[in-house]
Every structure is written in structure tokens, then in C-alpha cells.
Amino acid sequence: AQTNRIPASRVDEVLGMVGLADVGRKRSKGFSLGMSQRLGIAAALLG
């Protein structure tokens, strides 16, 4: 978001959209493949 001039509020918005709001502060190395997919989709939706 910061490197693409997207407001930080959008980060929490897309985390909620993909169902990762409760694990947003956890390191991604512990994510399952399904959770990683959701994070990737959140990144695609960010802008």
C-alpha cells in the first residue's frame, strides 16, 4: 500500500474481505496454502 500510494485503511478493509482479519498480525510463514491464497487475493484487491 505504501509503495503504491494506497491508504493504510484499505489494508484492514481487504483483510476483512478475504477472512484474514483475525490473523492479520501473524507471520505468513505459518499460513496454510488456503490462507496464503486468501492473502494473495487480498493483495490483488488492494488497489
ModelCIF file with pLDDT and N, C-alpha, C, O atoms, coordinates in Angstrom:
data_MODEL
#
_entry.id   MODEL 
#
_entity.id                         1 
_entity.type                       polymer 
_entity.pdbx_number_of_molecules   1 
#
_entity_poly.entity_id                      1 
_entity_poly.type                           'polypeptide(L)' 
_entity_poly.nstd_linkage                   no 
_entity_poly.nstd_monomer                   no 
_entity_poly.pdbx_seq_one_letter_code       AQTNRIPASRVDEVLGMVGLADVGRKRSKGFSLGMSQRLGIAAALLG 
_entity_poly.pdbx_seq_one_letter_code_can   AQTNRIPASRVDEVLGMVGLADVGRKRSKGFSLGMSQRLGIAAALLG 
_entity_poly.pdbx_strand_id                 A 
#
loop_
_entity_poly_seq.entity_id 
_entity_poly_seq.num 
_entity_poly_seq.mon_id 
_entity_poly_seq.hetero 
1 1  ALA n 
1 2  GLN n 
1 3  THR n 
1 4  ASN n 
1 5  ARG n 
1 6  ILE n 
1 7  PRO n 
1 8  ALA n 
1 9  SER n 
1 10 ARG n 
1 11 VAL n 
1 12 ASP n 
1 13 GLU n 
1 14 VAL n 
1 15 LEU n 
1 16 GLY n 
1 17 MET n 
1 18 VAL n 
1 19 GLY n 
1 20 LEU n 
1 21 ALA n 
1 22 ASP n 
1 23 VAL n 
1 24 GLY n 
1 25 ARG n 
1 26 LYS n 
1 27 ARG n 
1 28 SER n 
1 29 LYS n 
1 30 GLY n 
1 31 PHE n 
1 32 SER n 
1 33 LEU n 
1 34 GLY n 
1 35 MET n 
1 36 SER n 
1 37 GLN n 
1 38 ARG n 
1 39 LEU n 
1 40 GLY n 
1 41 ILE n 
1 42 ALA n 
1 43 ALA n 
1 44 ALA n 
1 45 LEU n 
1 46 LEU n 
1 47 GLY n 
#
_struct_asym.id          A 
_struct_asym.entity_id   1 
#
loop_
_ma_qa_metric.id 
_ma_qa_metric.mode 
_ma_qa_metric.name 
_ma_qa_metric.software_group_id 
_ma_qa_metric.type 
1 global pLDDT . pLDDT 
2 local  pLDDT . pLDDT 
#
_ma_qa_metric_global.metric_id      1 
_ma_qa_metric_global.metric_value   91.21 
_ma_qa_metric_global.model_id       1 
_ma_qa_metric_global.ordinal_id     1 
#
loop_
_ma_qa_metric_local.label_asym_id 
_ma_qa_metric_local.label_comp_id 
_ma_qa_metric_local.label_seq_id 
_ma_qa_metric_local.metric_id 
_ma_qa_metric_local.metric_value 
_ma_qa_metric_local.model_id 
_ma_qa_metric_local.ordinal_id 
A ALA 1  2 94.00 1 1  
A GLN 2  2 92.00 1 2  
A THR 3  2 90.00 1 3  
A ASN 4  2 90.00 1 4  
A ARG 5  2 91.00 1 5  
A ILE 6  2 94.00 1 6  
A PRO 7  2 94.00 1 7  
A ALA 8  2 93.00 1 8  
A SER 9  2 94.00 1 9  
A ARG 10 2 96.00 1 10 
A VAL 11 2 95.00 1 11 
A ASP 12 2 94.00 1 12 
A GLU 13 2 95.00 1 13 
A VAL 14 2 95.00 1 14 
A LEU 15 2 95.00 1 15 
A GLY 16 2 94.00 1 16 
A MET 17 2 92.00 1 17 
A VAL 18 2 92.00 1 18 
A GLY 19 2 91.00 1 19 
A LEU 20 2 92.00 1 20 
A ALA 21 2 92.00 1 21 
A ASP 22 2 92.00 1 22 
A VAL 23 2 90.00 1 23 
A GLY 24 2 89.00 1 24 
A ARG 25 2 88.00 1 25 
A LYS 26 2 90.00 1 26 
A ARG 27 2 87.00 1 27 
A SER 28 2 83.00 1 28 
A LYS 29 2 85.00 1 29 
A GLY 30 2 84.00 1 30 
A PHE 31 2 88.00 1 31 
A SER 32 2 87.00 1 32 
A LEU 33 2 84.00 1 33 
A GLY 34 2 86.00 1 34 
A MET 35 2 88.00 1 35 
A SER 36 2 89.00 1 36 
A GLN 37 2 89.00 1 37 
A ARG 38 2 91.00 1 38 
A LEU 39 2 91.00 1 39 
A GLY 40 2 92.00 1 40 
A ILE 41 2 93.00 1 41 
A ALA 42 2 94.00 1 42 
A ALA 43 2 93.00 1 43 
A ALA 44 2 95.00 1 44 
A LEU 45 2 95.00 1 45 
A LEU 46 2 95.00 1 46 
A GLY 47 2 94.00 1 47 
#
loop_
_atom_site.group_PDB 
_atom_site.id 
_atom_site.type_symbol 
_atom_site.label_atom_id 
_atom_site.label_alt_id 
_atom_site.label_comp_id 
_atom_site.label_asym_id 
_atom_site.label_entity_id 
_atom_site.label_seq_id 
_atom_site.pdbx_PDB_ins_code 
_atom_site.Cartn_x 
_atom_site.Cartn_y 
_atom_site.Cartn_z 
_atom_site.occupancy 
_atom_site.B_iso_or_equiv 
_atom_site.pdbx_formal_charge 
_atom_site.auth_seq_id 
_atom_site.auth_comp_id 
_atom_site.auth_asym_id 
_atom_site.auth_atom_id 
_atom_site.pdbx_PDB_model_num 
ATOM 1   N N  . ALA A 1 1  ? 0.828   -1.209  0.000  1.00 94.00 ? 1  ALA A N  1 
ATOM 2   C CA . ALA A 1 1  ? 0.000   0.000   0.000  1.00 94.00 ? 1  ALA A CA 1 
ATOM 3   C C  . ALA A 1 1  ? 0.863   1.260   0.000  1.00 94.00 ? 1  ALA A C  1 
ATOM 4   O O  . ALA A 1 1  ? 0.587   2.205   -0.739 1.00 94.00 ? 1  ALA A O  1 
ATOM 5   N N  . GLN A 1 2  ? 1.895   1.275   0.818  1.00 92.00 ? 2  GLN A N  1 
ATOM 6   C CA . GLN A 1 2  ? 2.729   2.466   0.938  1.00 92.00 ? 2  GLN A CA 1 
ATOM 7   C C  . GLN A 1 2  ? 3.486   2.764   -0.345 1.00 92.00 ? 2  GLN A C  1 
ATOM 8   O O  . GLN A 1 2  ? 3.686   3.929   -0.690 1.00 92.00 ? 2  GLN A O  1 
ATOM 9   N N  . THR A 1 3  ? 3.914   1.715   -1.063 1.00 90.00 ? 3  THR A N  1 
ATOM 10  C CA . THR A 1 3  ? 4.666   1.931   -2.298 1.00 90.00 ? 3  THR A CA 1 
ATOM 11  C C  . THR A 1 3  ? 3.757   2.240   -3.485 1.00 90.00 ? 3  THR A C  1 
ATOM 12  O O  . THR A 1 3  ? 4.235   2.564   -4.572 1.00 90.00 ? 3  THR A O  1 
ATOM 13  N N  . ASN A 1 4  ? 2.451   2.138   -3.273 1.00 90.00 ? 4  ASN A N  1 
ATOM 14  C CA . ASN A 1 4  ? 1.511   2.425   -4.363 1.00 90.00 ? 4  ASN A CA 1 
ATOM 15  C C  . ASN A 1 4  ? 0.502   3.521   -3.992 1.00 90.00 ? 4  ASN A C  1 
ATOM 16  O O  . ASN A 1 4  ? -0.538  3.667   -4.634 1.00 90.00 ? 4  ASN A O  1 
ATOM 17  N N  . ARG A 1 5  ? 0.829   4.285   -2.945 1.00 91.00 ? 5  ARG A N  1 
ATOM 18  C CA . ARG A 1 5  ? 0.001   5.418   -2.530 1.00 91.00 ? 5  ARG A CA 1 
ATOM 19  C C  . ARG A 1 5  ? -1.445  4.998   -2.260 1.00 91.00 ? 5  ARG A C  1 
ATOM 20  O O  . ARG A 1 5  ? -2.399  5.644   -2.693 1.00 91.00 ? 5  ARG A O  1 
ATOM 21  N N  . ILE A 1 6  ? -1.566  3.896   -1.531 1.00 94.00 ? 6  ILE A N  1 
ATOM 22  C CA . ILE A 1 6  ? -2.877  3.394   -1.128 1.00 94.00 ? 6  ILE A CA 1 
ATOM 23  C C  . ILE A 1 6  ? -3.012  3.611   0.372  1.00 94.00 ? 6  ILE A C  1 
ATOM 24  O O  . ILE A 1 6  ? -2.088  3.269   1.110  1.00 94.00 ? 6  ILE A O  1 
ATOM 25  N N  . PRO A 1 7  ? -4.113  4.159   0.854  1.00 94.00 ? 7  PRO A N  1 
ATOM 26  C CA . PRO A 1 7  ? -4.245  4.434   2.291  1.00 94.00 ? 7  PRO A CA 1 
ATOM 27  C C  . PRO A 1 7  ? -4.200  3.164   3.131  1.00 94.00 ? 7  PRO A C  1 
ATOM 28  O O  . PRO A 1 7  ? -4.671  2.108   2.709  1.00 94.00 ? 7  PRO A O  1 
ATOM 29  N N  . ALA A 1 8  ? -3.627  3.283   4.329  1.00 93.00 ? 8  ALA A N  1 
ATOM 30  C CA . ALA A 1 8  ? -3.487  2.130   5.226  1.00 93.00 ? 8  ALA A CA 1 
ATOM 31  C C  . ALA A 1 8  ? -4.833  1.544   5.599  1.00 93.00 ? 8  ALA A C  1 
ATOM 32  O O  . ALA A 1 8  ? -4.925  0.350   5.884  1.00 93.00 ? 8  ALA A O  1 
ATOM 33  N N  . SER A 1 9  ? -5.872  2.347   5.605  1.00 94.00 ? 9  SER A N  1 
ATOM 34  C CA . SER A 1 9  ? -7.205  1.850   5.954  1.00 94.00 ? 9  SER A CA 1 
ATOM 35  C C  . SER A 1 9  ? -7.675  0.761   4.988  1.00 94.00 ? 9  SER A C  1 
ATOM 36  O O  . SER A 1 9  ? -8.476  -0.103  5.346  1.00 94.00 ? 9  SER A O  1 
ATOM 37  N N  . ARG A 1 10 ? -7.160  0.820   3.752  1.00 96.00 ? 10 ARG A N  1 
ATOM 38  C CA . ARG A 1 10 ? -7.554  -0.176  2.756  1.00 96.00 ? 10 ARG A CA 1 
ATOM 39  C C  . ARG A 1 10 ? -7.006  -1.558  3.116  1.00 96.00 ? 10 ARG A C  1 
ATOM 40  O O  . ARG A 1 10 ? -7.608  -2.573  2.766  1.00 96.00 ? 10 ARG A O  1 
ATOM 41  N N  . VAL A 1 11 ? -5.862  -1.601  3.816  1.00 95.00 ? 11 VAL A N  1 
ATOM 42  C CA . VAL A 1 11 ? -5.265  -2.868  4.225  1.00 95.00 ? 11 VAL A CA 1 
ATOM 43  C C  . VAL A 1 11 ? -6.215  -3.641  5.133  1.00 95.00 ? 11 VAL A C  1 
ATOM 44  O O  . VAL A 1 11 ? -6.487  -4.818  4.899  1.00 95.00 ? 11 VAL A O  1 
ATOM 45  N N  . ASP A 1 12 ? -6.710  -2.981  6.156  1.00 94.00 ? 12 ASP A N  1 
ATOM 46  C CA . ASP A 1 12 ? -7.640  -3.654  7.067  1.00 94.00 ? 12 ASP A CA 1 
ATOM 47  C C  . ASP A 1 12 ? -8.939  -4.024  6.361  1.00 94.00 ? 12 ASP A C  1 
ATOM 48  O O  . ASP A 1 12 ? -9.571  -5.028  6.688  1.00 94.00 ? 12 ASP A O  1 
ATOM 49  N N  . GLU A 1 13 ? -9.326  -3.207  5.396  1.00 95.00 ? 13 GLU A N  1 
ATOM 50  C CA . GLU A 1 13 ? -10.560 -3.481  4.647  1.00 95.00 ? 13 GLU A CA 1 
ATOM 51  C C  . GLU A 1 13 ? -10.439 -4.783  3.849  1.00 95.00 ? 13 GLU A C  1 
ATOM 52  O O  . GLU A 1 13 ? -11.342 -5.619  3.886  1.00 95.00 ? 13 GLU A O  1 
ATOM 53  N N  . VAL A 1 14 ? -9.328  -4.955  3.132  1.00 95.00 ? 14 VAL A N  1 
ATOM 54  C CA . VAL A 1 14 ? -9.200  -6.160  2.313  1.00 95.00 ? 14 VAL A CA 1 
ATOM 55  C C  . VAL A 1 14 ? -8.918  -7.396  3.177  1.00 95.00 ? 14 VAL A C  1 
ATOM 56  O O  . VAL A 1 14 ? -9.313  -8.504  2.813  1.00 95.00 ? 14 VAL A O  1 
ATOM 57  N N  . LEU A 1 15 ? -8.243  -7.220  4.308  1.00 95.00 ? 15 LEU A N  1 
ATOM 58  C CA . LEU A 1 15 ? -8.071  -8.363  5.218  1.00 95.00 ? 15 LEU A CA 1 
ATOM 59  C C  . LEU A 1 15 ? -9.426  -8.880  5.687  1.00 95.00 ? 15 LEU A C  1 
ATOM 60  O O  . LEU A 1 15 ? -9.634  -10.088 5.800  1.00 95.00 ? 15 LEU A O  1 
ATOM 61  N N  . GLY A 1 16 ? -10.328 -7.972  5.956  1.00 94.00 ? 16 GLY A N  1 
ATOM 62  C CA . GLY A 1 16 ? -11.678 -8.378  6.329  1.00 94.00 ? 16 GLY A CA 1 
ATOM 63  C C  . GLY A 1 16 ? -12.421 -9.021  5.182  1.00 94.00 ? 16 GLY A C  1 
ATOM 64  O O  . GLY A 1 16 ? -13.177 -9.970  5.389  1.00 94.00 ? 16 GLY A O  1 
ATOM 65  N N  . MET A 1 17 ? -12.219 -8.520  3.976  1.00 92.00 ? 17 MET A N  1 
ATOM 66  C CA . MET A 1 17 ? -12.902 -9.069  2.800  1.00 92.00 ? 17 MET A CA 1 
ATOM 67  C C  . MET A 1 17 ? -12.523 -10.517 2.547  1.00 92.00 ? 17 MET A C  1 
ATOM 68  O O  . MET A 1 17 ? -13.365 -11.312 2.129  1.00 92.00 ? 17 MET A O  1 
ATOM 69  N N  . VAL A 1 18 ? -11.259 -10.873 2.795  1.00 92.00 ? 18 VAL A N  1 
ATOM 70  C CA . VAL A 1 18 ? -10.803 -12.234 2.492  1.00 92.00 ? 18 VAL A CA 1 
ATOM 71  C C  . VAL A 1 18 ? -10.832 -13.153 3.708  1.00 92.00 ? 18 VAL A C  1 
ATOM 72  O O  . VAL A 1 18 ? -10.425 -14.311 3.614  1.00 92.00 ? 18 VAL A O  1 
ATOM 73  N N  . GLY A 1 19 ? -11.301 -12.659 4.838  1.00 91.00 ? 19 GLY A N  1 
ATOM 74  C CA . GLY A 1 19 ? -11.444 -13.508 6.023  1.00 91.00 ? 19 GLY A CA 1 
ATOM 75  C C  . GLY A 1 19 ? -10.188 -13.683 6.842  1.00 91.00 ? 19 GLY A C  1 
ATOM 76  O O  . GLY A 1 19 ? -10.073 -14.658 7.584  1.00 91.00 ? 19 GLY A O  1 
ATOM 77  N N  . LEU A 1 20 ? -9.223  -12.750 6.729  1.00 92.00 ? 20 LEU A N  1 
ATOM 78  C CA . LEU A 1 20 ? -7.968  -12.870 7.472  1.00 92.00 ? 20 LEU A CA 1 
ATOM 79  C C  . LEU A 1 20 ? -7.820  -11.799 8.554  1.00 92.00 ? 20 LEU A C  1 
ATOM 80  O O  . LEU A 1 20 ? -6.717  -11.588 9.060  1.00 92.00 ? 20 LEU A O  1 
ATOM 81  N N  . ALA A 1 21 ? -8.887  -11.134 8.910  1.00 92.00 ? 21 ALA A N  1 
ATOM 82  C CA . ALA A 1 21 ? -8.794  -10.052 9.894  1.00 92.00 ? 21 ALA A CA 1 
ATOM 83  C C  . ALA A 1 21 ? -8.237  -10.545 11.232 1.00 92.00 ? 21 ALA A C  1 
ATOM 84  O O  . ALA A 1 21 ? -7.480  -9.829  11.889 1.00 92.00 ? 21 ALA A O  1 
ATOM 85  N N  . ASP A 1 22 ? -8.602  -11.745 11.632 1.00 92.00 ? 22 ASP A N  1 
ATOM 86  C CA . ASP A 1 22 ? -8.174  -12.259 12.940 1.00 92.00 ? 22 ASP A CA 1 
ATOM 87  C C  . ASP A 1 22 ? -6.727  -12.726 12.958 1.00 92.00 ? 22 ASP A C  1 
ATOM 88  O O  . ASP A 1 22 ? -6.148  -12.881 14.034 1.00 92.00 ? 22 ASP A O  1 
ATOM 89  N N  . VAL A 1 23 ? -6.129  -12.953 11.795 1.00 90.00 ? 23 VAL A N  1 
ATOM 90  C CA . VAL A 1 23 ? -4.742  -13.440 11.749 1.00 90.00 ? 23 VAL A CA 1 
ATOM 91  C C  . VAL A 1 23 ? -3.845  -12.449 11.012 1.00 90.00 ? 23 VAL A C  1 
ATOM 92  O O  . VAL A 1 23 ? -2.740  -12.802 10.600 1.00 90.00 ? 23 VAL A O  1 
ATOM 93  N N  . GLY A 1 24 ? -4.310  -11.221 10.846 1.00 89.00 ? 24 GLY A N  1 
ATOM 94  C CA . GLY A 1 24 ? -3.563  -10.233 10.088 1.00 89.00 ? 24 GLY A CA 1 
ATOM 95  C C  . GLY A 1 24 ? -2.199  -9.915  10.661 1.00 89.00 ? 24 GLY A C  1 
ATOM 96  O O  . GLY A 1 24 ? -1.301  -9.521  9.918  1.00 89.00 ? 24 GLY A O  1 
ATOM 97  N N  . ARG A 1 25 ? -2.014  -10.076 11.984 1.00 88.00 ? 25 ARG A N  1 
ATOM 98  C CA . ARG A 1 25 ? -0.732  -9.746  12.607 1.00 88.00 ? 25 ARG A CA 1 
ATOM 99  C C  . ARG A 1 25 ? 0.153   -10.975 12.813 1.00 88.00 ? 25 ARG A C  1 
ATOM 100 O O  . ARG A 1 25 ? 1.199   -10.886 13.455 1.00 88.00 ? 25 ARG A O  1 
ATOM 101 N N  . LYS A 1 26 ? -0.263  -12.121 12.269 1.00 90.00 ? 26 LYS A N  1 
ATOM 102 C CA . LYS A 1 26 ? 0.557   -13.331 12.353 1.00 90.00 ? 26 LYS A CA 1 
ATOM 103 C C  . LYS A 1 26 ? 1.475   -13.419 11.145 1.00 90.00 ? 26 LYS A C  1 
ATOM 104 O O  . LYS A 1 26 ? 1.139   -12.948 10.058 1.00 90.00 ? 26 LYS A O  1 
ATOM 105 N N  . ARG A 1 27 ? 2.656   -14.038 11.351 1.00 87.00 ? 27 ARG A N  1 
ATOM 106 C CA . ARG A 1 27 ? 3.608   -14.182 10.263 1.00 87.00 ? 27 ARG A CA 1 
ATOM 107 C C  . ARG A 1 27 ? 3.064   -15.133 9.207  1.00 87.00 ? 27 ARG A C  1 
ATOM 108 O O  . ARG A 1 27 ? 2.476   -16.167 9.525  1.00 87.00 ? 27 ARG A O  1 
ATOM 109 N N  . SER A 1 28 ? 3.268   -14.771 7.958  1.00 83.00 ? 28 SER A N  1 
ATOM 110 C CA . SER A 1 28 ? 2.686   -15.546 6.862  1.00 83.00 ? 28 SER A CA 1 
ATOM 111 C C  . SER A 1 28 ? 3.352   -16.901 6.680  1.00 83.00 ? 28 SER A C  1 
ATOM 112 O O  . SER A 1 28 ? 2.784   -17.769 6.017  1.00 83.00 ? 28 SER A O  1 
ATOM 113 N N  . LYS A 1 29 ? 4.550   -17.116 7.251  1.00 85.00 ? 29 LYS A N  1 
ATOM 114 C CA . LYS A 1 29 ? 5.207   -18.410 7.090  1.00 85.00 ? 29 LYS A CA 1 
ATOM 115 C C  . LYS A 1 29 ? 4.432   -19.535 7.783  1.00 85.00 ? 29 LYS A C  1 
ATOM 116 O O  . LYS A 1 29 ? 4.642   -20.710 7.482  1.00 85.00 ? 29 LYS A O  1 
ATOM 117 N N  . GLY A 1 30 ? 3.555   -19.186 8.690  1.00 84.00 ? 30 GLY A N  1 
ATOM 118 C CA . GLY A 1 30 ? 2.737   -20.196 9.360  1.00 84.00 ? 30 GLY A CA 1 
ATOM 119 C C  . GLY A 1 30 ? 1.390   -20.415 8.683  1.00 84.00 ? 30 GLY A C  1 
ATOM 120 O O  . GLY A 1 30 ? 0.566   -21.181 9.183  1.00 84.00 ? 30 GLY A O  1 
ATOM 121 N N  . PHE A 1 31 ? 1.157   -19.756 7.562  1.00 88.00 ? 31 PHE A N  1 
ATOM 122 C CA . PHE A 1 31 ? -0.125  -19.864 6.882  1.00 88.00 ? 31 PHE A CA 1 
ATOM 123 C C  . PHE A 1 31 ? -0.212  -21.163 6.087  1.00 88.00 ? 31 PHE A C  1 
ATOM 124 O O  . PHE A 1 31 ? 0.776   -21.627 5.519  1.00 88.00 ? 31 PHE A O  1 
ATOM 125 N N  . SER A 1 32 ? -1.396  -21.732 6.060  1.00 87.00 ? 32 SER A N  1 
ATOM 126 C CA . SER A 1 32 ? -1.665  -22.851 5.172  1.00 87.00 ? 32 SER A CA 1 
ATOM 127 C C  . SER A 1 32 ? -1.728  -22.336 3.737  1.00 87.00 ? 32 SER A C  1 
ATOM 128 O O  . SER A 1 32 ? -1.724  -21.127 3.506  1.00 87.00 ? 32 SER A O  1 
ATOM 129 N N  . LEU A 1 33 ? -1.786  -23.258 2.772  1.00 84.00 ? 33 LEU A N  1 
ATOM 130 C CA . LEU A 1 33 ? -1.889  -22.841 1.375  1.00 84.00 ? 33 LEU A CA 1 
ATOM 131 C C  . LEU A 1 33 ? -3.172  -22.043 1.147  1.00 84.00 ? 33 LEU A C  1 
ATOM 132 O O  . LEU A 1 33 ? -3.169  -21.052 0.417  1.00 84.00 ? 33 LEU A O  1 
ATOM 133 N N  . GLY A 1 34 ? -4.263  -22.474 1.769  1.00 86.00 ? 34 GLY A N  1 
ATOM 134 C CA . GLY A 1 34 ? -5.524  -21.755 1.613  1.00 86.00 ? 34 GLY A CA 1 
ATOM 135 C C  . GLY A 1 34 ? -5.451  -20.332 2.162  1.00 86.00 ? 34 GLY A C  1 
ATOM 136 O O  . GLY A 1 34 ? -5.969  -19.398 1.550  1.00 86.00 ? 34 GLY A O  1 
ATOM 137 N N  . MET A 1 35 ? -4.802  -20.169 3.327  1.00 88.00 ? 35 MET A N  1 
ATOM 138 C CA . MET A 1 35 ? -4.644  -18.835 3.901  1.00 88.00 ? 35 MET A CA 1 
ATOM 139 C C  . MET A 1 35 ? -3.734  -17.979 3.029  1.00 88.00 ? 35 MET A C  1 
ATOM 140 O O  . MET A 1 35 ? -3.968  -16.780 2.877  1.00 88.00 ? 35 MET A O  1 
ATOM 141 N N  . SER A 1 36 ? -2.695  -18.590 2.454  1.00 89.00 ? 36 SER A N  1 
ATOM 142 C CA . SER A 1 36 ? -1.808  -17.857 1.560  1.00 89.00 ? 36 SER A CA 1 
ATOM 143 C C  . SER A 1 36 ? -2.561  -17.405 0.314  1.00 89.00 ? 36 SER A C  1 
ATOM 144 O O  . SER A 1 36 ? -2.333  -16.306 -0.191 1.00 89.00 ? 36 SER A O  1 
ATOM 145 N N  . GLN A 1 37 ? -3.456  -18.254 -0.177 1.00 89.00 ? 37 GLN A N  1 
ATOM 146 C CA . GLN A 1 37 ? -4.275  -17.867 -1.324 1.00 89.00 ? 37 GLN A CA 1 
ATOM 147 C C  . GLN A 1 37 ? -5.119  -16.639 -0.982 1.00 89.00 ? 37 GLN A C  1 
ATOM 148 O O  . GLN A 1 37 ? -5.223  -15.707 -1.779 1.00 89.00 ? 37 GLN A O  1 
ATOM 149 N N  . ARG A 1 38 ? -5.715  -16.645 0.200  1.00 91.00 ? 38 ARG A N  1 
ATOM 150 C CA . ARG A 1 38 ? -6.540  -15.510 0.616  1.00 91.00 ? 38 ARG A CA 1 
ATOM 151 C C  . ARG A 1 38 ? -5.705  -14.230 0.738  1.00 91.00 ? 38 ARG A C  1 
ATOM 152 O O  . ARG A 1 38 ? -6.165  -13.143 0.389  1.00 91.00 ? 38 ARG A O  1 
ATOM 153 N N  . LEU A 1 39 ? -4.476  -14.373 1.237  1.00 91.00 ? 39 LEU A N  1 
ATOM 154 C CA . LEU A 1 39 ? -3.600  -13.207 1.344  1.00 91.00 ? 39 LEU A CA 1 
ATOM 155 C C  . LEU A 1 39 ? -3.237  -12.679 -0.045 1.00 91.00 ? 39 LEU A C  1 
ATOM 156 O O  . LEU A 1 39 ? -3.197  -11.469 -0.265 1.00 91.00 ? 39 LEU A O  1 
ATOM 157 N N  . GLY A 1 40 ? -2.973  -13.597 -0.980 1.00 92.00 ? 40 GLY A N  1 
ATOM 158 C CA . GLY A 1 40 ? -2.675  -13.179 -2.344 1.00 92.00 ? 40 GLY A CA 1 
ATOM 159 C C  . GLY A 1 40 ? -3.852  -12.478 -3.000 1.00 92.00 ? 40 GLY A C  1 
ATOM 160 O O  . GLY A 1 40 ? -3.671  -11.520 -3.752 1.00 92.00 ? 40 GLY A O  1 
ATOM 161 N N  . ILE A 1 41 ? -5.051  -12.952 -2.717 1.00 93.00 ? 41 ILE A N  1 
ATOM 162 C CA . ILE A 1 41 ? -6.254  -12.307 -3.257 1.00 93.00 ? 41 ILE A CA 1 
ATOM 163 C C  . ILE A 1 41 ? -6.437  -10.928 -2.629 1.00 93.00 ? 41 ILE A C  1 
ATOM 164 O O  . ILE A 1 41 ? -6.852  -9.983  -3.299 1.00 93.00 ? 41 ILE A O  1 
ATOM 165 N N  . ALA A 1 42 ? -6.120  -10.821 -1.329 1.00 94.00 ? 42 ALA A N  1 
ATOM 166 C CA . ALA A 1 42 ? -6.195  -9.507  -0.668 1.00 94.00 ? 42 ALA A CA 1 
ATOM 167 C C  . ALA A 1 42 ? -5.244  -8.518  -1.340 1.00 94.00 ? 42 ALA A C  1 
ATOM 168 O O  . ALA A 1 42 ? -5.601  -7.358  -1.546 1.00 94.00 ? 42 ALA A O  1 
ATOM 169 N N  . ALA A 1 43 ? -4.041  -8.968  -1.681 1.00 93.00 ? 43 ALA A N  1 
ATOM 170 C CA . ALA A 1 43 ? -3.081  -8.099  -2.362 1.00 93.00 ? 43 ALA A CA 1 
ATOM 171 C C  . ALA A 1 43 ? -3.598  -7.675  -3.732 1.00 93.00 ? 43 ALA A C  1 
ATOM 172 O O  . ALA A 1 43 ? -3.404  -6.533  -4.149 1.00 93.00 ? 43 ALA A O  1 
ATOM 173 N N  . ALA A 1 44 ? -4.259  -8.604  -4.434 1.00 95.00 ? 44 ALA A N  1 
ATOM 174 C CA . ALA A 1 44 ? -4.815  -8.269  -5.749 1.00 95.00 ? 44 ALA A CA 1 
ATOM 175 C C  . ALA A 1 44 ? -5.921  -7.228  -5.643 1.00 95.00 ? 44 ALA A C  1 
ATOM 176 O O  . ALA A 1 44 ? -6.087  -6.396  -6.535 1.00 95.00 ? 44 ALA A O  1 
ATOM 177 N N  . LEU A 1 45 ? -6.679  -7.278  -4.546 1.00 95.00 ? 45 LEU A N  1 
ATOM 178 C CA . LEU A 1 45 ? -7.803  -6.353  -4.357 1.00 95.00 ? 45 LEU A CA 1 
ATOM 179 C C  . LEU A 1 45 ? -7.377  -5.006  -3.779 1.00 95.00 ? 45 LEU A C  1 
ATOM 180 O O  . LEU A 1 45 ? -8.166  -4.061  -3.750 1.00 95.00 ? 45 LEU A O  1 
ATOM 181 N N  . LEU A 1 46 ? -6.139  -4.918  -3.323 1.00 95.00 ? 46 LEU A N  1 
ATOM 182 C CA . LEU A 1 46 ? -5.695  -3.770  -2.526 1.00 95.00 ? 46 LEU A CA 1 
ATOM 183 C C  . LEU A 1 46 ? -5.923  -2.434  -3.228 1.00 95.00 ? 46 LEU A C  1 
ATOM 184 O O  . LEU A 1 46 ? -6.387  -1.480  -2.604 1.00 95.00 ? 46 LEU A O  1 
ATOM 185 N N  . GLY A 1 47 ? -5.604  -2.355  -4.511 1.00 94.00 ? 47 GLY A N  1 
ATOM 186 C CA . GLY A 1 47 ? -5.737  -1.091  -5.232 1.00 94.00 ? 47 GLY A CA 1 
ATOM 187 C C  . GLY A 1 47 ? -7.110  -0.843  -5.810 1.00 94.00 ? 47 GLY A C  1 
ATOM 188 O O  . GLY A 1 47 ? -7.338  0.191   -6.437 1.00 94.00 ? 47 GLY A O  1 
#
